[in-house]
Amino acid sequence: MLDNGVRLLKMQNPWSAETYRGRWSDSSNLWTNAHKEKVWGPAGHTNSDDGIFYMQMEDYFSQASETYFNIDI
């Protein structure tokens, strides 16, 4: 949870073929330097086409119809 009360989910598109363009996407202007450091740590964030993105929890519940989990041990 960010200091402003926003709850984010870390998501990954395994095909990296499409880019999420909603709130909190990689290019969103909602990201402040403080938010980036809290989520990614001091190394920061690189805006790359890696399929990993963050989505606000409320957006996920209103937009996602299916979820698949993969446990990577």
N, C-alpha and C. Protein backbone atom coordinates (compact mmCIF):
# COMPACT_ATOMS: atom_id res chain seq x y z
N MET A 1 0.85 -1.17 0.00
CA MET A 1 0.00 0.00 0.00
C MET A 1 0.90 1.24 0.00
N LEU A 2 0.54 2.17 -0.84
CA LEU A 2 1.29 3.42 -0.90
C LEU A 2 0.85 4.34 0.23
N ASP A 3 1.62 5.36 0.51
CA ASP A 3 1.32 6.28 1.60
C ASP A 3 0.02 7.06 1.39
N ASN A 4 -0.50 7.08 0.17
CA ASN A 4 -1.76 7.77 -0.10
C ASN A 4 -2.96 6.82 -0.02
N GLY A 5 -2.73 5.57 0.45
CA GLY A 5 -3.81 4.61 0.63
C GLY A 5 -4.12 3.77 -0.59
N VAL A 6 -3.44 3.99 -1.69
CA VAL A 6 -3.66 3.22 -2.91
C VAL A 6 -3.07 1.83 -2.76
N ARG A 7 -3.87 0.82 -3.09
CA ARG A 7 -3.41 -0.57 -3.03
C ARG A 7 -3.15 -1.04 -4.46
N LEU A 8 -1.91 -1.45 -4.70
CA LEU A 8 -1.50 -1.88 -6.03
C LEU A 8 -1.25 -3.37 -6.08
N LEU A 9 -1.57 -3.97 -7.21
CA LEU A 9 -1.27 -5.37 -7.48
C LEU A 9 -0.19 -5.43 -8.54
N LYS A 10 0.83 -6.24 -8.32
CA LYS A 10 1.87 -6.44 -9.32
C LYS A 10 1.38 -7.53 -10.26
N MET A 11 1.34 -7.21 -11.54
CA MET A 11 0.82 -8.13 -12.54
C MET A 11 1.90 -8.41 -13.58
N GLN A 12 1.74 -9.53 -14.28
CA GLN A 12 2.66 -9.82 -15.37
C GLN A 12 1.89 -10.45 -16.52
N ASN A 13 2.08 -9.88 -17.69
CA ASN A 13 1.57 -10.45 -18.92
C ASN A 13 2.69 -11.33 -19.46
N PRO A 14 2.54 -12.66 -19.40
CA PRO A 14 3.66 -13.54 -19.78
C PRO A 14 4.05 -13.43 -21.25
N TRP A 15 3.17 -12.91 -22.08
CA TRP A 15 3.50 -12.79 -23.50
C TRP A 15 4.12 -11.45 -23.83
N SER A 16 3.97 -10.47 -22.96
CA SER A 16 4.51 -9.12 -23.17
C SER A 16 4.12 -8.53 -24.52
N ALA A 17 3.01 -8.99 -25.07
CA ALA A 17 2.59 -8.54 -26.39
C ALA A 17 1.75 -7.26 -26.33
N GLU A 18 1.08 -7.04 -25.23
CA GLU A 18 0.24 -5.86 -25.08
C GLU A 18 0.68 -5.12 -23.82
N THR A 19 0.49 -3.83 -23.82
CA THR A 19 0.90 -3.01 -22.70
C THR A 19 -0.33 -2.47 -21.97
N TYR A 20 -0.32 -2.57 -20.66
CA TYR A 20 -1.40 -2.00 -19.85
C TYR A 20 -1.27 -0.48 -19.89
N ARG A 21 -2.37 0.21 -20.16
CA ARG A 21 -2.32 1.66 -20.30
C ARG A 21 -3.21 2.39 -19.29
N GLY A 22 -3.68 1.71 -18.27
CA GLY A 22 -4.56 2.32 -17.28
C GLY A 22 -3.81 3.07 -16.19
N ARG A 23 -4.55 3.38 -15.13
CA ARG A 23 -3.92 4.05 -13.98
C ARG A 23 -2.77 3.21 -13.47
N TRP A 24 -1.69 3.83 -13.09
CA TRP A 24 -0.50 3.21 -12.53
C TRP A 24 0.26 2.36 -13.54
N SER A 25 0.00 2.56 -14.83
CA SER A 25 0.81 1.89 -15.84
C SER A 25 2.23 2.46 -15.78
N ASP A 26 3.15 1.84 -16.50
CA ASP A 26 4.55 2.28 -16.46
C ASP A 26 4.71 3.77 -16.80
N SER A 27 3.90 4.25 -17.72
CA SER A 27 4.06 5.64 -18.16
C SER A 27 3.08 6.61 -17.47
N SER A 28 2.37 6.14 -16.46
CA SER A 28 1.37 6.97 -15.78
C SER A 28 2.03 8.14 -15.04
N ASN A 29 1.36 9.28 -15.05
CA ASN A 29 1.87 10.44 -14.31
C ASN A 29 1.49 10.38 -12.83
N LEU A 30 0.84 9.30 -12.39
CA LEU A 30 0.51 9.13 -10.97
C LEU A 30 1.74 8.74 -10.15
N TRP A 31 2.74 8.19 -10.80
CA TRP A 31 3.96 7.77 -10.10
C TRP A 31 4.79 8.98 -9.68
N THR A 32 5.03 9.11 -8.39
CA THR A 32 5.96 10.13 -7.90
C THR A 32 7.28 9.40 -7.60
N ASN A 33 8.33 10.14 -7.37
CA ASN A 33 9.61 9.52 -7.02
C ASN A 33 9.49 8.72 -5.73
N ALA A 34 8.70 9.21 -4.77
CA ALA A 34 8.50 8.49 -3.50
C ALA A 34 7.77 7.17 -3.74
N HIS A 35 6.75 7.18 -4.60
CA HIS A 35 6.02 5.94 -4.92
C HIS A 35 6.95 4.94 -5.59
N LYS A 36 7.74 5.42 -6.55
CA LYS A 36 8.66 4.52 -7.27
C LYS A 36 9.65 3.88 -6.31
N GLU A 37 10.17 4.66 -5.38
CA GLU A 37 11.14 4.11 -4.44
C GLU A 37 10.49 3.10 -3.51
N LYS A 38 9.25 3.36 -3.08
CA LYS A 38 8.57 2.42 -2.19
C LYS A 38 8.30 1.10 -2.91
N VAL A 39 7.91 1.15 -4.18
CA VAL A 39 7.56 -0.06 -4.92
C VAL A 39 8.79 -0.78 -5.44
N TRP A 40 9.72 -0.05 -6.05
CA TRP A 40 10.87 -0.68 -6.70
C TRP A 40 12.15 -0.60 -5.88
N GLY A 41 12.15 0.14 -4.79
CA GLY A 41 13.37 0.27 -3.99
C GLY A 41 14.29 1.34 -4.56
N PRO A 42 15.47 1.48 -3.97
CA PRO A 42 16.37 2.55 -4.38
C PRO A 42 16.90 2.40 -5.81
N ALA A 43 16.84 1.19 -6.36
CA ALA A 43 17.32 1.00 -7.74
C ALA A 43 16.41 1.71 -8.74
N GLY A 44 15.17 1.94 -8.34
CA GLY A 44 14.24 2.65 -9.22
C GLY A 44 13.59 1.76 -10.25
N HIS A 45 12.87 2.38 -11.13
CA HIS A 45 12.08 1.69 -12.14
C HIS A 45 12.61 2.01 -13.52
N THR A 46 12.67 1.00 -14.34
CA THR A 46 12.99 1.24 -15.74
C THR A 46 11.74 0.94 -16.55
N ASN A 47 11.39 1.84 -17.42
CA ASN A 47 10.20 1.68 -18.24
C ASN A 47 10.54 0.75 -19.41
N SER A 48 10.41 -0.55 -19.17
CA SER A 48 10.78 -1.52 -20.19
C SER A 48 9.57 -2.36 -20.58
N ASP A 49 9.66 -3.00 -21.71
CA ASP A 49 8.57 -3.83 -22.23
C ASP A 49 8.77 -5.26 -21.73
N ASP A 50 8.68 -5.43 -20.38
CA ASP A 50 8.93 -6.73 -19.77
C ASP A 50 7.65 -7.47 -19.38
N GLY A 51 6.50 -6.86 -19.61
CA GLY A 51 5.22 -7.48 -19.28
C GLY A 51 4.80 -7.28 -17.84
N ILE A 52 5.65 -6.67 -17.01
CA ILE A 52 5.32 -6.44 -15.61
C ILE A 52 4.73 -5.04 -15.46
N PHE A 53 3.62 -4.98 -14.73
CA PHE A 53 2.96 -3.69 -14.52
C PHE A 53 2.21 -3.72 -13.20
N TYR A 54 1.80 -2.57 -12.74
CA TYR A 54 1.01 -2.46 -11.51
C TYR A 54 -0.37 -1.95 -11.86
N MET A 55 -1.35 -2.46 -11.12
CA MET A 55 -2.74 -2.09 -11.36
C MET A 55 -3.38 -1.80 -10.00
N GLN A 56 -4.15 -0.74 -9.94
CA GLN A 56 -4.84 -0.44 -8.70
C GLN A 56 -5.87 -1.54 -8.44
N MET A 57 -5.95 -1.97 -7.19
CA MET A 57 -6.79 -3.11 -6.84
C MET A 57 -8.24 -2.94 -7.30
N GLU A 58 -8.79 -1.76 -7.14
CA GLU A 58 -10.18 -1.52 -7.55
C GLU A 58 -10.34 -1.68 -9.06
N ASP A 59 -9.34 -1.26 -9.83
CA ASP A 59 -9.39 -1.42 -11.29
C ASP A 59 -9.34 -2.90 -11.66
N TYR A 60 -8.52 -3.65 -10.94
CA TYR A 60 -8.42 -5.08 -11.21
C TYR A 60 -9.77 -5.76 -11.03
N PHE A 61 -10.43 -5.48 -9.90
CA PHE A 61 -11.71 -6.13 -9.63
C PHE A 61 -12.79 -5.73 -10.62
N SER A 62 -12.72 -4.53 -11.16
CA SER A 62 -13.75 -4.10 -12.12
C SER A 62 -13.44 -4.52 -13.55
N GLN A 63 -12.17 -4.87 -13.87
CA GLN A 63 -11.79 -5.15 -15.26
C GLN A 63 -11.40 -6.60 -15.53
N ALA A 64 -10.96 -7.33 -14.54
CA ALA A 64 -10.46 -8.69 -14.77
C ALA A 64 -11.58 -9.70 -14.61
N SER A 65 -11.67 -10.62 -15.55
CA SER A 65 -12.68 -11.66 -15.45
C SER A 65 -12.08 -13.00 -15.05
N GLU A 66 -10.78 -13.18 -15.28
CA GLU A 66 -10.09 -14.42 -14.91
C GLU A 66 -8.69 -14.10 -14.42
N THR A 67 -8.21 -14.93 -13.51
CA THR A 67 -6.85 -14.79 -13.02
C THR A 67 -6.22 -16.17 -12.94
N TYR A 68 -5.00 -16.29 -13.39
CA TYR A 68 -4.25 -17.53 -13.29
C TYR A 68 -3.02 -17.27 -12.44
N PHE A 69 -2.71 -18.18 -11.54
CA PHE A 69 -1.56 -18.04 -10.67
C PHE A 69 -0.50 -19.07 -11.04
N ASN A 70 0.72 -18.66 -10.93
CA ASN A 70 1.84 -19.56 -11.13
C ASN A 70 2.78 -19.36 -9.95
N ILE A 71 2.99 -20.42 -9.19
CA ILE A 71 3.88 -20.34 -8.05
C ILE A 71 5.29 -20.68 -8.52
N ASP A 72 6.17 -19.71 -8.37
CA ASP A 72 7.55 -19.87 -8.82
C ASP A 72 8.44 -20.09 -7.61
N ILE A 73 8.80 -21.34 -7.38
CA ILE A 73 9.58 -21.69 -6.19
C ILE A 73 11.02 -21.93 -6.57
